[in-house]
């Protein structure tokens, strides 16, 4: 009988979640104990947008996410070339000052 590694995690991805949610704006706030990431889909010329998903995590997990994202961006650019940043686009920044309390 084959043994599973001790640190293996069984993760289920439901059909509902598998499709994902499109986001072109992220608003990031934090308190001393939590980071709050609000993902928004904002359409050009529309003054109002709704938060499509909110993720709340500890500062430790936020730092792990930051490192994992940096590593994956580096791998992406190694495979596909540099990602060009859009300039002149009128949209709020991806990171906002900490105003929210979680």
PDB file of N, CA and C in Angstrom:
ATOM      1  N   UNK A   1       0.843  -1.180   0.000  1.00  0.00           N
ATOM      2  CA  UNK A   1       0.000   0.000   0.000  1.00  0.00           C
ATOM      3  C   UNK A   1       0.892   1.247   0.000  1.00  0.00           C
ATOM      4  N   UNK A   2       0.550   2.219  -0.850  1.00  0.00           N
ATOM      5  CA  UNK A   2       1.332   3.443  -0.995  1.00  0.00           C
ATOM      6  C   UNK A   2       1.001   4.420   0.127  1.00  0.00           C
ATOM      7  N   UNK A   3       2.050   4.965   0.773  1.00  0.00           N
ATOM      8  CA  UNK A   3       1.844   5.925   1.851  1.00  0.00           C
ATOM      9  C   UNK A   3       1.835   7.342   1.299  1.00  0.00           C
ATOM     10  N   UNK A   4       0.941   8.192   1.842  1.00  0.00           N
ATOM     11  CA  UNK A   4       0.893   9.597   1.456  1.00  0.00           C
ATOM     12  C   UNK A   4       1.936  10.360   2.274  1.00  0.00           C
ATOM     13  N   UNK A   5       2.571  11.373   1.668  1.00  0.00           N
ATOM     14  CA  UNK A   5       3.486  12.213   2.441  1.00  0.00           C
ATOM     15  C   UNK A   5       2.748  12.860   3.613  1.00  0.00           C
ATOM     16  N   UNK A   6       3.438  13.054   4.742  1.00  0.00           N
ATOM     17  CA  UNK A   6       2.798  13.580   5.949  1.00  0.00           C
ATOM     18  C   UNK A   6       2.270  15.005   5.764  1.00  0.00           C
ATOM     19  N   UNK A   7       2.935  15.828   4.959  1.00  0.00           N
ATOM     20  CA  UNK A   7       2.541  17.226   4.805  1.00  0.00           C
ATOM     21  C   UNK A   7       1.609  17.464   3.620  1.00  0.00           C
ATOM     22  N   UNK A   8       1.073  16.426   3.026  1.00  0.00           N
ATOM     23  CA  UNK A   8       0.189  16.573   1.879  1.00  0.00           C
ATOM     24  C   UNK A   8      -1.183  17.078   2.333  1.00  0.00           C
ATOM     25  N   UNK A   9      -1.716  18.045   1.585  1.00  0.00           N
ATOM     26  CA  UNK A   9      -3.032  18.603   1.887  1.00  0.00           C
ATOM     27  C   UNK A   9      -3.964  18.260   0.741  1.00  0.00           C
ATOM     28  N   UNK A  10      -5.138  17.789   1.063  1.00  0.00           N
ATOM     29  CA  UNK A  10      -6.150  17.480   0.065  1.00  0.00           C
ATOM     30  C   UNK A  10      -7.034  18.717  -0.093  1.00  0.00           C
ATOM     31  N   UNK A  11      -6.956  19.384  -1.255  1.00  0.00           N
ATOM     32  CA  UNK A  11      -7.715  20.608  -1.495  1.00  0.00           C
ATOM     33  C   UNK A  11      -8.772  20.344  -2.549  1.00  0.00           C
ATOM     34  N   UNK A  12     -10.004  20.713  -2.244  1.00  0.00           N
ATOM     35  CA  UNK A  12     -11.111  20.519  -3.176  1.00  0.00           C
ATOM     36  C   UNK A  12     -11.432  21.846  -3.855  1.00  0.00           C
ATOM     37  N   UNK A  13     -11.613  21.814  -5.167  1.00  0.00           N
ATOM     38  CA  UNK A  13     -12.004  22.988  -5.947  1.00  0.00           C
ATOM     39  C   UNK A  13     -13.380  22.709  -6.542  1.00  0.00           C
ATOM     40  N   UNK A  14     -14.396  23.387  -6.005  1.00  0.00           N
ATOM     41  CA  UNK A  14     -15.759  23.162  -6.495  1.00  0.00           C
ATOM     42  C   UNK A  14     -15.944  23.800  -7.866  1.00  0.00           C
ATOM     43  N   UNK A  15     -16.942  23.343  -8.598  1.00  0.00           N
ATOM     44  CA  UNK A  15     -17.246  23.914  -9.912  1.00  0.00           C
ATOM     45  C   UNK A  15     -17.561  25.402  -9.803  1.00  0.00           C
ATOM     46  N   UNK A  16     -18.257  25.771  -8.737  1.00  0.00           N
ATOM     47  CA  UNK A  16     -18.642  27.172  -8.537  1.00  0.00           C
ATOM     48  C   UNK A  16     -17.418  28.074  -8.410  1.00  0.00           C
ATOM     49  N   UNK A  17     -16.410  27.634  -7.692  1.00  0.00           N
ATOM     50  CA  UNK A  17     -15.215  28.435  -7.463  1.00  0.00           C
ATOM     51  C   UNK A  17     -14.227  28.323  -8.626  1.00  0.00           C
ATOM     52  N   UNK A  18     -14.237  27.208  -9.332  1.00  0.00           N
ATOM     53  CA  UNK A  18     -13.260  26.941 -10.396  1.00  0.00           C
ATOM     54  C   UNK A  18     -13.287  27.982 -11.512  1.00  0.00           C
ATOM     55  N   UNK A  19     -14.435  28.572 -11.781  1.00  0.00           N
ATOM     56  CA  UNK A  19     -14.540  29.580 -12.831  1.00  0.00           C
ATOM     57  C   UNK A  19     -13.840  30.881 -12.483  1.00  0.00           C
ATOM     58  N   UNK A  20     -13.605  31.109 -11.214  1.00  0.00           N
ATOM     59  CA  UNK A  20     -12.927  32.324 -10.775  1.00  0.00           C
ATOM     60  C   UNK A  20     -13.805  33.558 -10.871  1.00  0.00           C
ATOM     61  N   UNK A  21     -13.268  34.654 -10.377  1.00  0.00           N
ATOM     62  CA  UNK A  21     -13.938  35.951 -10.433  1.00  0.00           C
ATOM     63  C   UNK A  21     -12.944  36.933 -11.016  1.00  0.00           C
ATOM     64  N   UNK A  22     -13.323  37.639 -12.073  1.00  0.00           N
ATOM     65  CA  UNK A  22     -12.429  38.613 -12.702  1.00  0.00           C
ATOM     66  C   UNK A  22     -12.321  39.848 -11.823  1.00  0.00           C
ATOM     67  N   UNK A  23     -11.097  40.352 -11.680  1.00  0.00           N
ATOM     68  CA  UNK A  23     -10.856  41.565 -10.922  1.00  0.00           C
ATOM     69  C   UNK A  23      -9.788  42.391 -11.628  1.00  0.00           C
ATOM     70  N   UNK A  24     -10.047  43.688 -11.758  1.00  0.00           N
ATOM     71  CA  UNK A  24      -9.035  44.586 -12.304  1.00  0.00           C
ATOM     72  C   UNK A  24      -8.690  45.696 -11.317  1.00  0.00           C
ATOM     73  N   UNK A  25      -9.107  45.512 -10.085  1.00  0.00           N
ATOM     74  CA  UNK A  25      -8.798  46.467  -9.023  1.00  0.00           C
ATOM     75  C   UNK A  25      -8.763  45.732  -7.693  1.00  0.00           C
ATOM     76  N   UNK A  26      -7.727  45.973  -6.927  1.00  0.00           N
ATOM     77  CA  UNK A  26      -7.633  45.402  -5.585  1.00  0.00           C
ATOM     78  C   UNK A  26      -7.413  46.546  -4.601  1.00  0.00           C
ATOM     79  N   UNK A  27      -8.186  46.553  -3.553  1.00  0.00           N
ATOM     80  CA  UNK A  27      -8.037  47.547  -2.493  1.00  0.00           C
ATOM     81  C   UNK A  27      -7.548  46.793  -1.268  1.00  0.00           C
ATOM     82  N   UNK A  28      -6.392  47.201  -0.778  1.00  0.00           N
ATOM     83  CA  UNK A  28      -5.755  46.487   0.330  1.00  0.00           C
ATOM     84  C   UNK A  28      -5.681  47.401   1.539  1.00  0.00           C
ATOM     85  N   UNK A  29      -6.246  46.940   2.644  1.00  0.00           N
ATOM     86  CA  UNK A  29      -6.183  47.673   3.902  1.00  0.00           C
ATOM     87  C   UNK A  29      -5.708  46.708   4.988  1.00  0.00           C
ATOM     88  N   UNK A  30      -5.330  47.261   6.117  1.00  0.00           N
ATOM     89  CA  UNK A  30      -4.895  46.387   7.206  1.00  0.00           C
ATOM     90  C   UNK A  30      -5.120  47.021   8.564  1.00  0.00           C
ATOM     91  N   UNK A  31      -5.209  46.161   9.535  1.00  0.00           N
ATOM     92  CA  UNK A  31      -5.254  46.540  10.943  1.00  0.00           C
ATOM     93  C   UNK A  31      -4.013  45.903  11.568  1.00  0.00           C
ATOM     94  N   UNK A  32      -3.787  46.062  12.851  1.00  0.00           N
ATOM     95  CA  UNK A  32      -2.623  45.409  13.462  1.00  0.00           C
ATOM     96  C   UNK A  32      -2.653  43.879  13.361  1.00  0.00           C
ATOM     97  N   UNK A  33      -3.839  43.298  13.186  1.00  0.00           N
ATOM     98  CA  UNK A  33      -3.932  41.835  13.206  1.00  0.00           C
ATOM     99  C   UNK A  33      -4.375  41.187  11.898  1.00  0.00           C
ATOM    100  N   UNK A  34      -4.862  41.977  10.929  1.00  0.00           N
ATOM    101  CA  UNK A  34      -5.393  41.391   9.701  1.00  0.00           C
ATOM    102  C   UNK A  34      -5.119  42.255   8.477  1.00  0.00           C
ATOM    103  N   UNK A  35      -4.974  41.599   7.338  1.00  0.00           N
ATOM    104  CA  UNK A  35      -4.950  42.268   6.045  1.00  0.00           C
ATOM    105  C   UNK A  35      -6.276  41.955   5.366  1.00  0.00           C
ATOM    106  N   UNK A  36      -6.869  42.955   4.731  1.00  0.00           N
ATOM    107  CA  UNK A  36      -8.128  42.779   4.023  1.00  0.00           C
ATOM    108  C   UNK A  36      -7.880  43.118   2.556  1.00  0.00           C
ATOM    109  N   UNK A  37      -8.135  42.161   1.678  1.00  0.00           N
ATOM    110  CA  UNK A  37      -7.971  42.351   0.242  1.00  0.00           C
ATOM    111  C   UNK A  37      -9.354  42.314  -0.389  1.00  0.00           C
ATOM    112  N   UNK A  38      -9.793  43.444  -0.926  1.00  0.00           N
ATOM    113  CA  UNK A  38     -11.065  43.530  -1.631  1.00  0.00           C
ATOM    114  C   UNK A  38     -10.776  43.531  -3.126  1.00  0.00           C
ATOM    115  N   UNK A  39     -11.375  42.582  -3.848  1.00  0.00           N
ATOM    116  CA  UNK A  39     -11.189  42.471  -5.289  1.00  0.00           C
ATOM    117  C   UNK A  39     -12.434  42.995  -5.977  1.00  0.00           C
ATOM    118  N   UNK A  40     -12.225  43.933  -6.911  1.00  0.00           N
ATOM    119  CA  UNK A  40     -13.297  44.665  -7.560  1.00  0.00           C
ATOM    120  C   UNK A  40     -13.171  44.496  -9.070  1.00  0.00           C
ATOM    121  N   UNK A  41     -14.302  44.453  -9.758  1.00  0.00           N
ATOM    122  CA  UNK A  41     -14.326  44.503 -11.216  1.00  0.00           C
ATOM    123  C   UNK A  41     -14.901  45.859 -11.583  1.00  0.00           C
ATOM    124  N   UNK A  42     -14.045  46.730 -12.101  1.00  0.00           N
ATOM    125  CA  UNK A  42     -14.448  48.103 -12.411  1.00  0.00           C
ATOM    126  C   UNK A  42     -14.479  48.296 -13.919  1.00  0.00           C
ATOM    127  N   UNK A  43     -15.588  48.771 -14.428  1.00  0.00           N
ATOM    128  CA  UNK A  43     -15.728  48.998 -15.862  1.00  0.00           C
ATOM    129  C   UNK A  43     -15.401  50.456 -16.180  1.00  0.00           C
ATOM    130  N   UNK A  44     -14.682  50.694 -17.295  1.00  0.00           N
ATOM    131  CA  UNK A  44     -14.345  52.072 -17.683  1.00  0.00           C
ATOM    132  C   UNK A  44     -15.599  52.927 -17.850  1.00  0.00           C
ATOM    133  N   UNK A  45     -15.533  54.159 -17.371  1.00  0.00           N
ATOM    134  CA  UNK A  45     -16.655  55.085 -17.505  1.00  0.00           C
ATOM    135  C   UNK A  45     -17.780  54.858 -16.526  1.00  0.00           C
ATOM    136  N   UNK A  46     -17.621  53.882 -15.635  1.00  0.00           N
ATOM    137  CA  UNK A  46     -18.647  53.592 -14.643  1.00  0.00           C
ATOM    138  C   UNK A  46     -18.181  54.118 -13.288  1.00  0.00           C
ATOM    139  N   UNK A  47     -18.932  55.024 -12.681  1.00  0.00           N
ATOM    140  CA  UNK A  47     -18.481  55.619 -11.417  1.00  0.00           C
ATOM    141  C   UNK A  47     -18.641  54.710 -10.197  1.00  0.00           C
ATOM    142  N   UNK A  48     -19.363  53.608 -10.354  1.00  0.00           N
ATOM    143  CA  UNK A  48     -19.625  52.739  -9.214  1.00  0.00           C
ATOM    144  C   UNK A  48     -19.203  51.310  -9.540  1.00  0.00           C
ATOM    145  N   UNK A  49     -18.601  50.658  -8.567  1.00  0.00           N
ATOM    146  CA  UNK A  49     -18.199  49.263  -8.738  1.00  0.00           C
ATOM    147  C   UNK A  49     -18.461  48.529  -7.433  1.00  0.00           C
ATOM    148  N   UNK A  50     -18.657  47.217  -7.532  1.00  0.00           N
ATOM    149  CA  UNK A  50     -18.917  46.404  -6.344  1.00  0.00           C
ATOM    150  C   UNK A  50     -17.737  45.504  -6.052  1.00  0.00           C
ATOM    151  N   UNK A  51     -17.512  45.276  -4.769  1.00  0.00           N
ATOM    152  CA  UNK A  51     -16.521  44.292  -4.348  1.00  0.00           C
ATOM    153  C   UNK A  51     -17.063  42.920  -4.732  1.00  0.00           C
ATOM    154  N   UNK A  52     -16.282  42.157  -5.479  1.00  0.00           N
ATOM    155  CA  UNK A  52     -16.693  40.833  -5.936  1.00  0.00           C
ATOM    156  C   UNK A  52     -16.243  39.736  -4.981  1.00  0.00           C
ATOM    157  N   UNK A  53     -15.128  40.010  -4.273  1.00  0.00           N
ATOM    158  CA  UNK A  53     -14.604  39.022  -3.339  1.00  0.00           C
ATOM    159  C   UNK A  53     -13.753  39.726  -2.294  1.00  0.00           C
ATOM    160  N   UNK A  54     -13.819  39.266  -1.068  1.00  0.00           N
ATOM    161  CA  UNK A  54     -12.999  39.812   0.018  1.00  0.00           C
ATOM    162  C   UNK A  54     -12.247  38.656   0.664  1.00  0.00           C
ATOM    163  N   UNK A  55     -10.948  38.847   0.820  1.00  0.00           N
ATOM    164  CA  UNK A  55     -10.094  37.871   1.488  1.00  0.00           C
ATOM    165  C   UNK A  55      -9.502  38.549   2.718  1.00  0.00           C
ATOM    166  N   UNK A  56      -9.643  37.917   3.865  1.00  0.00           N
ATOM    167  CA  UNK A  56      -9.078  38.424   5.113  1.00  0.00           C
ATOM    168  C   UNK A  56      -8.031  37.423   5.571  1.00  0.00           C
ATOM    169  N   UNK A  57      -6.827  37.921   5.887  1.00  0.00           N
ATOM    170  CA  UNK A  57      -5.751  37.018   6.312  1.00  0.00           C
ATOM    171  C   UNK A  57      -4.860  37.686   7.351  1.00  0.00           C
ATOM    172  N   UNK A  58      -4.106  36.856   8.043  1.00  0.00           N
ATOM    173  CA  UNK A  58      -3.162  37.356   9.040  1.00  0.00           C
ATOM    174  C   UNK A  58      -1.986  38.035   8.335  1.00  0.00           C
ATOM    175  N   UNK A  59      -1.250  38.899   9.028  1.00  0.00           N
ATOM    176  CA  UNK A  59      -0.056  39.497   8.426  1.00  0.00           C
ATOM    177  C   UNK A  59       0.951  38.440   7.959  1.00  0.00           C
ATOM    178  N   UNK A  60       1.074  37.345   8.697  1.00  0.00           N
ATOM    179  CA  UNK A  60       2.000  36.285   8.310  1.00  0.00           C
ATOM    180  C   UNK A  60       1.587  35.654   6.974  1.00  0.00           C
ATOM    181  N   UNK A  61       0.304  35.400   6.808  1.00  0.00           N
ATOM    182  CA  UNK A  61      -0.169  34.828   5.545  1.00  0.00           C
ATOM    183  C   UNK A  61      -0.073  35.848   4.406  1.00  0.00           C
ATOM    184  N   UNK A  62      -0.295  37.128   4.711  1.00  0.00           N
ATOM    185  CA  UNK A  62      -0.153  38.170   3.691  1.00  0.00           C
ATOM    186  C   UNK A  62       1.290  38.210   3.180  1.00  0.00           C
ATOM    187  N   UNK A  63       2.252  38.056   4.075  1.00  0.00           N
ATOM    188  CA  UNK A  63       3.658  38.061   3.663  1.00  0.00           C
ATOM    189  C   UNK A  63       3.974  36.824   2.813  1.00  0.00           C
ATOM    190  N   UNK A  64       3.416  35.679   3.170  1.00  0.00           N
ATOM    191  CA  UNK A  64       3.614  34.465   2.363  1.00  0.00           C
ATOM    192  C   UNK A  64       2.999  34.633   0.981  1.00  0.00           C
ATOM    193  N   UNK A  65       1.819  35.264   0.910  1.00  0.00           N
ATOM    194  CA  UNK A  65       1.183  35.535  -0.377  1.00  0.00           C
ATOM    195  C   UNK A  65       2.055  36.474  -1.213  1.00  0.00           C
ATOM    196  N   UNK A  66       2.577  37.517  -0.591  1.00  0.00           N
ATOM    197  CA  UNK A  66       3.462  38.479  -1.260  1.00  0.00           C
ATOM    198  C   UNK A  66       4.680  37.769  -1.872  1.00  0.00           C
ATOM    199  N   UNK A  67       5.308  36.906  -1.103  1.00  0.00           N
ATOM    200  CA  UNK A  67       6.484  36.180  -1.598  1.00  0.00           C
ATOM    201  C   UNK A  67       6.105  35.214  -2.723  1.00  0.00           C
ATOM    202  N   UNK A  68       4.989  34.514  -2.585  1.00  0.00           N
ATOM    203  CA  UNK A  68       4.552  33.571  -3.608  1.00  0.00           C
ATOM    204  C   UNK A  68       4.194  34.310  -4.901  1.00  0.00           C
ATOM    205  N   UNK A  69       3.550  35.469  -4.773  1.00  0.00           N
ATOM    206  CA  UNK A  69       3.196  36.254  -5.953  1.00  0.00           C
ATOM    207  C   UNK A  69       4.454  36.767  -6.649  1.00  0.00           C
ATOM    208  N   UNK A  70       5.435  37.255  -5.876  1.00  0.00           N
ATOM    209  CA  UNK A  70       6.699  37.732  -6.458  1.00  0.00           C
ATOM    210  C   UNK A  70       7.415  36.603  -7.189  1.00  0.00           C
ATOM    211  N   UNK A  71       7.443  35.425  -6.594  1.00  0.00           N
ATOM    212  CA  UNK A  71       8.093  34.271  -7.217  1.00  0.00           C
ATOM    213  C   UNK A  71       7.393  33.884  -8.523  1.00  0.00           C
ATOM    214  N   UNK A  72       6.068  33.887  -8.506  1.00  0.00           N
ATOM    215  CA  UNK A  72       5.315  33.518  -9.703  1.00  0.00           C
ATOM    216  C   UNK A  72       5.417  34.576 -10.796  1.00  0.00           C
ATOM    217  N   UNK A  73       5.457  35.864 -10.431  1.00  0.00           N
ATOM    218  CA  UNK A  73       5.662  36.916 -11.427  1.00  0.00           C
ATOM    219  C   UNK A  73       7.031  36.769 -12.086  1.00  0.00           C
ATOM    220  N   UNK A  74       8.028  36.445 -11.301  1.00  0.00           N
ATOM    221  CA  UNK A  74       9.378  36.238 -11.834  1.00  0.00           C
ATOM    222  C   UNK A  74       9.398  35.076 -12.819  1.00  0.00           C
ATOM    223  N   UNK A  75       8.754  33.971 -12.457  1.00  0.00           N
ATOM    224  CA  UNK A  75       8.681  32.810 -13.350  1.00  0.00           C
ATOM    225  C   UNK A  75       7.913  33.153 -14.626  1.00  0.00           C
ATOM    226  N   UNK A  76       6.826  33.884 -14.497  1.00  0.00           N
ATOM    227  CA  UNK A  76       6.032  34.287 -15.652  1.00  0.00           C
ATOM    228  C   UNK A  76       6.879  35.104 -16.615  1.00  0.00           C
ATOM    229  N   UNK A  77       7.588  36.117 -16.072  1.00  0.00           N
ATOM    230  CA  UNK A  77       8.406  36.981 -16.927  1.00  0.00           C
ATOM    231  C   UNK A  77       9.583  36.232 -17.536  1.00  0.00           C
ATOM    232  N   UNK A  78      10.093  35.229 -16.866  1.00  0.00           N
ATOM    233  CA  UNK A  78      11.156  34.404 -17.438  1.00  0.00           C
ATOM    234  C   UNK A  78      10.643  33.636 -18.656  1.00  0.00           C
ATOM    235  N   UNK A  79       9.397  33.192 -18.596  1.00  0.00           N
ATOM    236  CA  UNK A  79       8.796  32.426 -19.690  1.00  0.00           C
ATOM    237  C   UNK A  79       8.242  33.292 -20.810  1.00  0.00           C
ATOM    238  N   UNK A  80       7.620  34.423 -20.463  1.00  0.00           N
ATOM    239  CA  UNK A  80       6.863  35.197 -21.443  1.00  0.00           C
ATOM    240  C   UNK A  80       7.379  36.611 -21.676  1.00  0.00           C
ATOM    241  N   UNK A  81       8.412  37.018 -20.970  1.00  0.00           N
ATOM    242  CA  UNK A  81       8.936  38.370 -21.115  1.00  0.00           C
ATOM    243  C   UNK A  81       8.337  39.314 -20.086  1.00  0.00           C
ATOM    244  N   UNK A  82       8.917  40.509 -20.003  1.00  0.00           N
ATOM    245  CA  UNK A  82       8.473  41.478 -18.998  1.00  0.00           C
ATOM    246  C   UNK A  82       7.000  41.863 -19.160  1.00  0.00           C
ATOM    247  N   UNK A  83       6.346  42.056 -18.059  1.00  0.00           N
ATOM    248  CA  UNK A  83       4.964  42.529 -18.055  1.00  0.00           C
ATOM    249  C   UNK A  83       5.031  44.049 -18.126  1.00  0.00           C
ATOM    250  N   UNK A  84       4.381  44.611 -19.116  1.00  0.00           N
ATOM    251  CA  UNK A  84       4.370  46.066 -19.266  1.00  0.00           C
ATOM    252  C   UNK A  84       3.288  46.655 -18.378  1.00  0.00           C
ATOM    253  N   UNK A  85       3.666  47.660 -17.613  1.00  0.00           N
ATOM    254  CA  UNK A  85       2.691  48.329 -16.765  1.00  0.00           C
ATOM    255  C   UNK A  85       1.928  49.343 -17.599  1.00  0.00           C
ATOM    256  N   UNK A  86       0.626  49.440 -17.376  1.00  0.00           N
ATOM    257  CA  UNK A  86      -0.212  50.375 -18.107  1.00  0.00           C
ATOM    258  C   UNK A  86       0.002  51.759 -17.513  1.00  0.00           C
ATOM    259  N   UNK A  87       0.309  52.723 -18.372  1.00  0.00           N
ATOM    260  CA  UNK A  87       0.480  54.099 -17.901  1.00  0.00           C
ATOM    261  C   UNK A  87      -0.624  54.967 -18.478  1.00  0.00           C
ATOM    262  N   UNK A  88      -1.001  55.976 -17.747  1.00  0.00           N
ATOM    263  CA  UNK A  88      -2.025  56.896 -18.216  1.00  0.00           C
ATOM    264  C   UNK A  88      -3.449  56.408 -17.996  1.00  0.00           C
ATOM    265  N   UNK A  89      -3.601  55.210 -17.462  1.00  0.00           N
ATOM    266  CA  UNK A  89      -4.939  54.683 -17.205  1.00  0.00           C
ATOM    267  C   UNK A  89      -5.491  55.341 -15.946  1.00  0.00           C
ATOM    268  N   UNK A  90      -6.705  55.839 -16.019  1.00  0.00           N
ATOM    269  CA  UNK A  90      -7.308  56.517 -14.880  1.00  0.00           C
ATOM    270  C   UNK A  90      -8.068  55.496 -14.049  1.00  0.00           C
ATOM    271  N   UNK A  91      -7.375  54.943 -13.056  1.00  0.00           N
ATOM    272  CA  UNK A  91      -7.994  53.998 -12.133  1.00  0.00           C
ATOM    273  C   UNK A  91      -7.339  54.187 -10.771  1.00  0.00           C
ATOM    274  N   UNK A  92      -8.039  53.866  -9.715  1.00  0.00           N
ATOM    275  CA  UNK A  92      -7.441  53.962  -8.382  1.00  0.00           C
ATOM    276  C   UNK A  92      -6.243  53.020  -8.261  1.00  0.00           C
ATOM    277  N   UNK A  93      -5.312  53.305  -7.361  1.00  0.00           N
ATOM    278  CA  UNK A  93      -4.162  52.431  -7.175  1.00  0.00           C
ATOM    279  C   UNK A  93      -4.566  51.085  -6.591  1.00  0.00           C
ATOM    280  N   UNK A  94      -3.689  50.092  -6.736  1.00  0.00           N
ATOM    281  CA  UNK A  94      -3.989  48.766  -6.203  1.00  0.00           C
ATOM    282  C   UNK A  94      -3.826  48.720  -4.691  1.00  0.00           C
ATOM    283  N   UNK A  95      -3.033  49.600  -4.134  1.00  0.00           N
ATOM    284  CA  UNK A  95      -2.838  49.608  -2.691  1.00  0.00           C
ATOM    285  C   UNK A  95      -3.280  50.954  -2.143  1.00  0.00           C
ATOM    286  N   UNK A  96      -4.092  50.917  -1.132  1.00  0.00           N
ATOM    287  CA  UNK A  96      -4.560  52.156  -0.520  1.00  0.00           C
ATOM    288  C   UNK A  96      -4.081  52.194   0.922  1.00  0.00           C
ATOM    289  N   UNK A  97      -4.038  53.373   1.484  1.00  0.00           N
ATOM    290  CA  UNK A  97      -3.586  53.526   2.866  1.00  0.00           C
ATOM    291  C   UNK A  97      -4.524  52.785   3.810  1.00  0.00           C
ATOM    292  N   UNK A  98      -3.983  52.328   4.952  1.00  0.00           N
ATOM    293  CA  UNK A  98      -4.832  51.577   5.884  1.00  0.00           C
ATOM    294  C   UNK A  98      -5.858  52.471   6.558  1.00  0.00           C
ATOM    295  N   UNK A  99      -7.104  52.306   6.186  1.00  0.00           N
ATOM    296  CA  UNK A  99      -8.197  53.081   6.782  1.00  0.00           C
ATOM    297  C   UNK A  99      -9.205  52.164   7.451  1.00  0.00           C
ATOM    298  N   UNK A 100      -9.316  50.962   6.924  1.00  0.00           N
ATOM    299  CA  UNK A 100     -10.344  50.053   7.436  1.00  0.00           C
ATOM    300  C   UNK A 100      -9.890  49.356   8.703  1.00  0.00           C
ATOM    301  N   UNK A 101     -10.814  49.037   9.525  1.00  0.00           N
ATOM    302  CA  UNK A 101     -10.544  48.223  10.705  1.00  0.00           C
ATOM    303  C   UNK A 101     -11.175  46.872  10.474  1.00  0.00           C
ATOM    304  N   UNK A 102     -10.371  45.840  10.638  1.00  0.00           N
ATOM    305  CA  UNK A 102     -10.885  44.487  10.416  1.00  0.00           C
ATOM    306  C   UNK A 102     -11.205  43.818  11.731  1.00  0.00           C
TER     307      UNK A 102
END
